[in-house]
N, C-alpha and C. Protein backbone atom coordinates (compact mmCIF):
# COMPACT_ATOMS: atom_id res chain seq x y z
N MET A 1 17.33 -39.02 48.85
CA MET A 1 17.77 -39.37 47.53
C MET A 1 17.47 -38.25 46.53
N TYR A 2 16.36 -37.56 46.66
CA TYR A 2 16.01 -36.49 45.74
C TYR A 2 17.01 -35.33 45.81
N ALA A 3 17.47 -35.01 46.99
CA ALA A 3 18.41 -33.92 47.18
C ALA A 3 19.75 -34.25 46.52
N SER A 4 20.20 -35.46 46.62
CA SER A 4 21.47 -35.82 46.00
C SER A 4 21.38 -35.84 44.48
N TYR A 5 20.20 -36.19 43.94
CA TYR A 5 20.00 -36.21 42.49
C TYR A 5 20.08 -34.79 41.91
N THR A 6 19.42 -33.82 42.54
CA THR A 6 19.44 -32.45 42.03
C THR A 6 20.79 -31.81 42.23
N SER A 7 21.48 -32.13 43.29
CA SER A 7 22.79 -31.53 43.51
C SER A 7 23.81 -32.08 42.53
N ARG A 8 23.62 -33.30 42.09
CA ARG A 8 24.54 -33.89 41.14
C ARG A 8 24.40 -33.25 39.75
N PHE A 9 23.17 -32.86 39.29
CA PHE A 9 22.96 -32.33 37.96
C PHE A 9 22.88 -30.80 37.91
N ARG A 10 23.00 -30.15 39.05
CA ARG A 10 22.94 -28.69 39.09
C ARG A 10 24.06 -28.07 38.24
N PRO A 11 25.30 -28.53 38.30
CA PRO A 11 26.34 -27.92 37.45
C PRO A 11 26.07 -28.13 35.96
N ILE A 12 25.49 -29.26 35.59
CA ILE A 12 25.19 -29.51 34.19
C ILE A 12 24.08 -28.58 33.72
N CYS A 13 23.05 -28.41 34.56
CA CYS A 13 21.96 -27.50 34.21
C CYS A 13 22.48 -26.06 34.11
N GLY A 14 23.33 -25.67 35.01
CA GLY A 14 23.90 -24.32 34.97
C GLY A 14 24.74 -24.12 33.72
N ALA A 15 25.52 -25.14 33.34
CA ALA A 15 26.34 -25.03 32.13
C ALA A 15 25.46 -24.97 30.89
N PHE A 16 24.38 -25.75 30.88
CA PHE A 16 23.44 -25.71 29.76
C PHE A 16 22.79 -24.34 29.64
N LEU A 17 22.42 -23.75 30.77
CA LEU A 17 21.82 -22.43 30.78
C LEU A 17 22.79 -21.38 30.26
N LEU A 18 24.03 -21.44 30.69
CA LEU A 18 25.04 -20.50 30.22
C LEU A 18 25.30 -20.65 28.72
N LEU A 19 25.36 -21.89 28.27
CA LEU A 19 25.58 -22.15 26.85
C LEU A 19 24.41 -21.63 26.03
N THR A 20 23.19 -21.84 26.51
CA THR A 20 22.01 -21.35 25.81
C THR A 20 22.03 -19.83 25.76
N LEU A 21 22.32 -19.18 26.86
CA LEU A 21 22.38 -17.72 26.88
C LEU A 21 23.49 -17.19 25.98
N ALA A 22 24.60 -17.88 25.94
CA ALA A 22 25.71 -17.45 25.10
C ALA A 22 25.36 -17.55 23.62
N LEU A 23 24.52 -18.52 23.27
CA LEU A 23 24.14 -18.67 21.87
C LEU A 23 22.97 -17.77 21.49
N VAL A 24 22.03 -17.56 22.40
CA VAL A 24 20.81 -16.82 22.08
C VAL A 24 21.03 -15.32 22.15
N LEU A 25 21.73 -14.85 23.17
CA LEU A 25 21.88 -13.40 23.34
C LEU A 25 22.62 -12.72 22.18
N PRO A 26 23.72 -13.24 21.67
CA PRO A 26 24.33 -12.57 20.52
C PRO A 26 23.42 -12.54 19.30
N ALA A 27 22.63 -13.59 19.11
CA ALA A 27 21.69 -13.59 17.99
C ALA A 27 20.62 -12.53 18.21
N ALA A 28 20.17 -12.37 19.44
CA ALA A 28 19.18 -11.33 19.73
C ALA A 28 19.77 -9.95 19.53
N ARG A 29 21.01 -9.75 19.95
CA ARG A 29 21.68 -8.46 19.72
C ARG A 29 21.87 -8.20 18.23
N LEU A 30 22.24 -9.23 17.48
CA LEU A 30 22.43 -9.08 16.04
C LEU A 30 21.10 -8.74 15.37
N GLN A 31 20.03 -9.40 15.79
CA GLN A 31 18.73 -9.12 15.22
C GLN A 31 18.30 -7.69 15.55
N ALA A 32 18.57 -7.24 16.74
CA ALA A 32 18.23 -5.88 17.13
C ALA A 32 19.03 -4.88 16.30
N ARG A 33 20.25 -5.19 15.97
CA ARG A 33 21.06 -4.29 15.15
C ARG A 33 20.56 -4.22 13.72
N THR A 34 20.13 -5.36 13.19
CA THR A 34 19.71 -5.37 11.80
C THR A 34 18.31 -4.82 11.60
N THR A 35 17.47 -4.87 12.62
CA THR A 35 16.11 -4.38 12.44
C THR A 35 16.00 -2.87 12.64
N THR A 36 16.93 -2.27 13.33
CA THR A 36 16.88 -0.82 13.48
C THR A 36 17.64 -0.20 12.33
N ALA A 37 17.01 0.69 11.63
CA ALA A 37 17.64 1.34 10.48
C ALA A 37 17.38 2.83 10.55
N LYS A 38 18.30 3.57 10.03
CA LYS A 38 18.13 5.02 9.98
C LYS A 38 17.26 5.37 8.77
N VAL A 39 16.30 6.24 8.99
CA VAL A 39 15.42 6.68 7.91
C VAL A 39 15.93 8.02 7.42
N ARG A 40 16.14 8.10 6.14
CA ARG A 40 16.61 9.34 5.55
C ARG A 40 15.47 10.00 4.79
N ALA A 41 15.41 11.29 4.84
CA ALA A 41 14.34 12.03 4.17
C ALA A 41 14.57 12.01 2.66
N ALA A 42 13.51 11.87 1.92
CA ALA A 42 13.58 11.88 0.47
C ALA A 42 13.41 13.31 -0.01
N SER A 43 14.23 13.69 -0.93
CA SER A 43 14.17 15.04 -1.47
C SER A 43 13.40 15.03 -2.78
N LEU A 44 12.53 15.98 -2.95
CA LEU A 44 11.73 16.07 -4.16
C LEU A 44 12.24 17.15 -5.11
N THR A 45 13.42 17.62 -4.90
CA THR A 45 13.96 18.62 -5.80
C THR A 45 14.30 17.97 -7.13
N GLY A 46 14.10 18.68 -8.19
CA GLY A 46 14.41 18.17 -9.51
C GLY A 46 13.27 17.40 -10.14
N THR A 47 12.12 17.34 -9.50
CA THR A 47 10.99 16.63 -10.09
C THR A 47 10.33 17.52 -11.13
N ALA A 48 9.69 16.89 -12.09
CA ALA A 48 9.03 17.63 -13.16
C ALA A 48 7.78 18.32 -12.61
N PRO A 49 7.44 19.49 -13.16
CA PRO A 49 6.23 20.17 -12.69
C PRO A 49 4.98 19.36 -13.05
N ARG A 50 3.93 19.63 -12.33
CA ARG A 50 2.68 18.90 -12.49
C ARG A 50 2.00 19.27 -13.81
N LEU A 51 1.51 18.28 -14.52
CA LEU A 51 0.81 18.48 -15.78
C LEU A 51 -0.64 18.81 -15.48
N GLU A 52 -1.13 19.95 -15.99
CA GLU A 52 -2.50 20.37 -15.74
C GLU A 52 -3.13 20.92 -17.01
N ALA A 53 -4.43 20.72 -17.14
CA ALA A 53 -5.22 21.28 -18.24
C ALA A 53 -6.18 22.30 -17.64
N VAL A 54 -6.14 23.53 -18.16
CA VAL A 54 -6.99 24.61 -17.64
C VAL A 54 -7.70 25.25 -18.81
N PRO A 55 -8.98 25.41 -18.89
CA PRO A 55 -9.99 24.94 -17.96
C PRO A 55 -10.26 23.46 -18.15
N ASN A 56 -10.76 22.85 -17.12
CA ASN A 56 -11.10 21.44 -17.16
C ASN A 56 -12.37 21.24 -16.35
N PRO A 57 -13.49 20.92 -16.90
CA PRO A 57 -13.81 20.46 -18.24
C PRO A 57 -13.73 21.60 -19.26
N ALA A 58 -13.43 21.23 -20.50
CA ALA A 58 -13.24 22.20 -21.58
C ALA A 58 -14.11 21.83 -22.77
N SER A 59 -14.39 22.85 -23.61
CA SER A 59 -15.22 22.58 -24.78
C SER A 59 -14.55 22.99 -26.08
N GLY A 60 -13.81 24.07 -26.11
CA GLY A 60 -13.20 24.54 -27.36
C GLY A 60 -11.70 24.32 -27.38
N THR A 61 -11.02 25.00 -26.48
CA THR A 61 -9.57 24.85 -26.35
C THR A 61 -9.24 24.75 -24.86
N THR A 62 -8.10 24.20 -24.58
CA THR A 62 -7.61 24.14 -23.21
C THR A 62 -6.13 24.48 -23.21
N ARG A 63 -5.66 24.96 -22.10
CA ARG A 63 -4.27 25.36 -21.96
C ARG A 63 -3.57 24.33 -21.08
N LEU A 64 -2.43 23.83 -21.52
CA LEU A 64 -1.66 22.83 -20.78
C LEU A 64 -0.49 23.51 -20.10
N THR A 65 -0.40 23.35 -18.79
CA THR A 65 0.70 23.92 -18.03
C THR A 65 1.57 22.80 -17.49
N GLY A 66 2.81 23.12 -17.17
CA GLY A 66 3.74 22.14 -16.63
C GLY A 66 4.52 21.40 -17.68
N LEU A 67 4.54 21.91 -18.90
CA LEU A 67 5.28 21.26 -19.99
C LEU A 67 6.56 22.03 -20.30
N ARG A 68 7.52 21.32 -20.85
CA ARG A 68 8.72 21.95 -21.39
C ARG A 68 8.53 22.07 -22.90
N PRO A 69 9.02 23.13 -23.52
CA PRO A 69 8.87 23.26 -24.98
C PRO A 69 9.48 22.06 -25.71
N GLY A 70 8.72 21.49 -26.64
CA GLY A 70 9.18 20.35 -27.42
C GLY A 70 8.94 19.00 -26.75
N GLU A 71 8.43 18.98 -25.54
CA GLU A 71 8.16 17.71 -24.86
C GLU A 71 6.93 17.05 -25.49
N PRO A 72 7.02 15.79 -25.90
CA PRO A 72 5.87 15.14 -26.55
C PRO A 72 4.72 14.93 -25.58
N VAL A 73 3.51 15.20 -26.07
CA VAL A 73 2.28 15.03 -25.28
C VAL A 73 1.36 14.13 -26.08
N MET A 74 0.83 13.11 -25.40
CA MET A 74 -0.12 12.19 -26.03
C MET A 74 -1.50 12.44 -25.43
N LEU A 75 -2.50 12.49 -26.29
CA LEU A 75 -3.89 12.55 -25.86
C LEU A 75 -4.46 11.16 -26.07
N LEU A 76 -4.90 10.52 -24.98
CA LEU A 76 -5.36 9.13 -25.02
C LEU A 76 -6.85 9.05 -24.67
N ASN A 77 -7.54 8.10 -25.29
CA ASN A 77 -8.94 7.88 -24.93
C ASN A 77 -8.98 7.05 -23.65
N PRO A 78 -10.16 6.81 -23.05
CA PRO A 78 -10.21 6.07 -21.78
C PRO A 78 -9.66 4.65 -21.84
N LEU A 79 -9.59 4.06 -23.03
CA LEU A 79 -9.03 2.72 -23.16
C LEU A 79 -7.52 2.73 -23.30
N GLY A 80 -6.92 3.92 -23.41
CA GLY A 80 -5.47 4.03 -23.52
C GLY A 80 -4.95 4.13 -24.93
N TYR A 81 -5.86 4.20 -25.92
CA TYR A 81 -5.42 4.32 -27.32
C TYR A 81 -5.10 5.78 -27.64
N PRO A 82 -4.02 6.02 -28.38
CA PRO A 82 -3.68 7.41 -28.70
C PRO A 82 -4.67 8.02 -29.69
N VAL A 83 -5.10 9.23 -29.38
CA VAL A 83 -5.99 9.99 -30.25
C VAL A 83 -5.19 11.03 -31.01
N ARG A 84 -4.24 11.64 -30.33
CA ARG A 84 -3.44 12.70 -30.93
C ARG A 84 -2.11 12.80 -30.20
N GLN A 85 -1.05 13.16 -30.93
CA GLN A 85 0.25 13.44 -30.34
C GLN A 85 0.71 14.78 -30.87
N PHE A 86 1.25 15.59 -29.98
CA PHE A 86 1.75 16.89 -30.43
C PHE A 86 2.96 17.29 -29.59
N PHE A 87 3.72 18.23 -30.13
CA PHE A 87 4.93 18.74 -29.50
C PHE A 87 4.78 20.25 -29.32
N PRO A 88 4.41 20.71 -28.14
CA PRO A 88 4.18 22.14 -27.96
C PRO A 88 5.48 22.94 -28.10
N ARG A 89 5.37 24.09 -28.76
CA ARG A 89 6.55 24.95 -28.95
C ARG A 89 6.69 25.97 -27.83
N THR A 90 5.58 26.31 -27.21
CA THR A 90 5.61 27.29 -26.13
C THR A 90 4.90 26.73 -24.90
N THR A 91 5.14 27.36 -23.79
CA THR A 91 4.42 27.00 -22.57
C THR A 91 3.74 28.24 -22.03
N PRO A 92 2.52 28.20 -21.62
CA PRO A 92 1.59 27.08 -21.68
C PRO A 92 1.15 26.79 -23.11
N ALA A 93 0.87 25.56 -23.41
CA ALA A 93 0.48 25.13 -24.76
C ALA A 93 -1.02 25.16 -24.90
N GLU A 94 -1.50 25.55 -26.08
CA GLU A 94 -2.94 25.54 -26.38
C GLU A 94 -3.28 24.26 -27.14
N LEU A 95 -4.35 23.61 -26.73
CA LEU A 95 -4.79 22.36 -27.35
C LEU A 95 -6.21 22.57 -27.88
N ASP A 96 -6.38 22.36 -29.18
CA ASP A 96 -7.68 22.51 -29.83
C ASP A 96 -8.50 21.24 -29.62
N LEU A 97 -9.72 21.39 -29.12
CA LEU A 97 -10.57 20.25 -28.80
C LEU A 97 -11.83 20.18 -29.66
N HIS A 98 -11.93 20.99 -30.72
CA HIS A 98 -13.15 21.09 -31.51
C HIS A 98 -13.53 19.77 -32.19
N ASP A 99 -12.57 18.98 -32.64
CA ASP A 99 -12.88 17.76 -33.39
C ASP A 99 -13.01 16.52 -32.50
N LEU A 100 -12.94 16.67 -31.18
CA LEU A 100 -13.04 15.53 -30.26
C LEU A 100 -14.47 15.33 -29.79
N THR A 101 -14.87 14.07 -29.64
CA THR A 101 -16.19 13.78 -29.10
C THR A 101 -16.17 14.01 -27.59
N PRO A 102 -17.26 14.43 -27.00
CA PRO A 102 -17.28 14.66 -25.56
C PRO A 102 -16.99 13.38 -24.78
N GLY A 103 -16.27 13.54 -23.70
CA GLY A 103 -15.91 12.40 -22.86
C GLY A 103 -14.65 12.65 -22.06
N LEU A 104 -14.15 11.60 -21.48
CA LEU A 104 -12.94 11.66 -20.65
C LEU A 104 -11.74 11.27 -21.49
N TYR A 105 -10.67 12.05 -21.39
CA TYR A 105 -9.42 11.77 -22.08
C TYR A 105 -8.27 11.86 -21.08
N LEU A 106 -7.15 11.29 -21.44
CA LEU A 106 -5.95 11.36 -20.61
C LEU A 106 -4.86 12.07 -21.39
N LEU A 107 -4.15 12.96 -20.72
CA LEU A 107 -2.99 13.62 -21.29
C LEU A 107 -1.76 12.99 -20.66
N GLN A 108 -0.80 12.59 -21.49
CA GLN A 108 0.41 11.97 -20.97
C GLN A 108 1.62 12.69 -21.53
N ALA A 109 2.48 13.14 -20.62
CA ALA A 109 3.75 13.77 -20.98
C ALA A 109 4.84 13.10 -20.16
N GLY A 110 5.60 12.22 -20.79
CA GLY A 110 6.59 11.45 -20.04
C GLY A 110 5.88 10.48 -19.12
N ARG A 111 6.17 10.56 -17.82
CA ARG A 111 5.50 9.71 -16.84
C ARG A 111 4.34 10.43 -16.15
N ARG A 112 4.12 11.65 -16.50
CA ARG A 112 3.04 12.43 -15.89
C ARG A 112 1.75 12.26 -16.67
N VAL A 113 0.64 12.15 -15.96
CA VAL A 113 -0.67 11.94 -16.57
C VAL A 113 -1.66 12.91 -15.93
N ALA A 114 -2.53 13.48 -16.76
CA ALA A 114 -3.61 14.36 -16.27
C ALA A 114 -4.90 13.96 -16.97
N ARG A 115 -6.01 14.15 -16.28
CA ARG A 115 -7.32 13.88 -16.87
C ARG A 115 -7.85 15.13 -17.54
N LEU A 116 -8.54 14.94 -18.63
CA LEU A 116 -9.17 16.04 -19.36
C LEU A 116 -10.59 15.62 -19.73
N VAL A 117 -11.54 16.44 -19.33
CA VAL A 117 -12.95 16.19 -19.67
C VAL A 117 -13.34 17.14 -20.79
N VAL A 118 -13.78 16.58 -21.90
CA VAL A 118 -14.22 17.37 -23.04
C VAL A 118 -15.74 17.37 -23.05
N GLU A 119 -16.32 18.60 -23.12
CA GLU A 119 -17.78 18.73 -23.13
C GLU A 119 -18.29 18.93 -24.54
């Protein structure tokens, strides 16, 4: 009796297996297609030059490099409050630090930021 029972349902099991494979395999192939992606290299051409203060730490004056003439520069205290804003006419720009209290300051030009230590 056991042999006749399995032989009777073998075609149904085979059809179920084929149907399952037909539904699962295309989904697996689709998932494999969507998860593989081509990676393209990012180009850094056209980026703004790095903003730097030389010498750093400074006590009297410092020279700012990486600026374009007329580009606004903000001098910020450690809390982010503006201390001074200026528009350099030449590059490299000279920044007078005589009236600043010693400490850490931030220079911001556009999206570029540099640290400046005043002694």
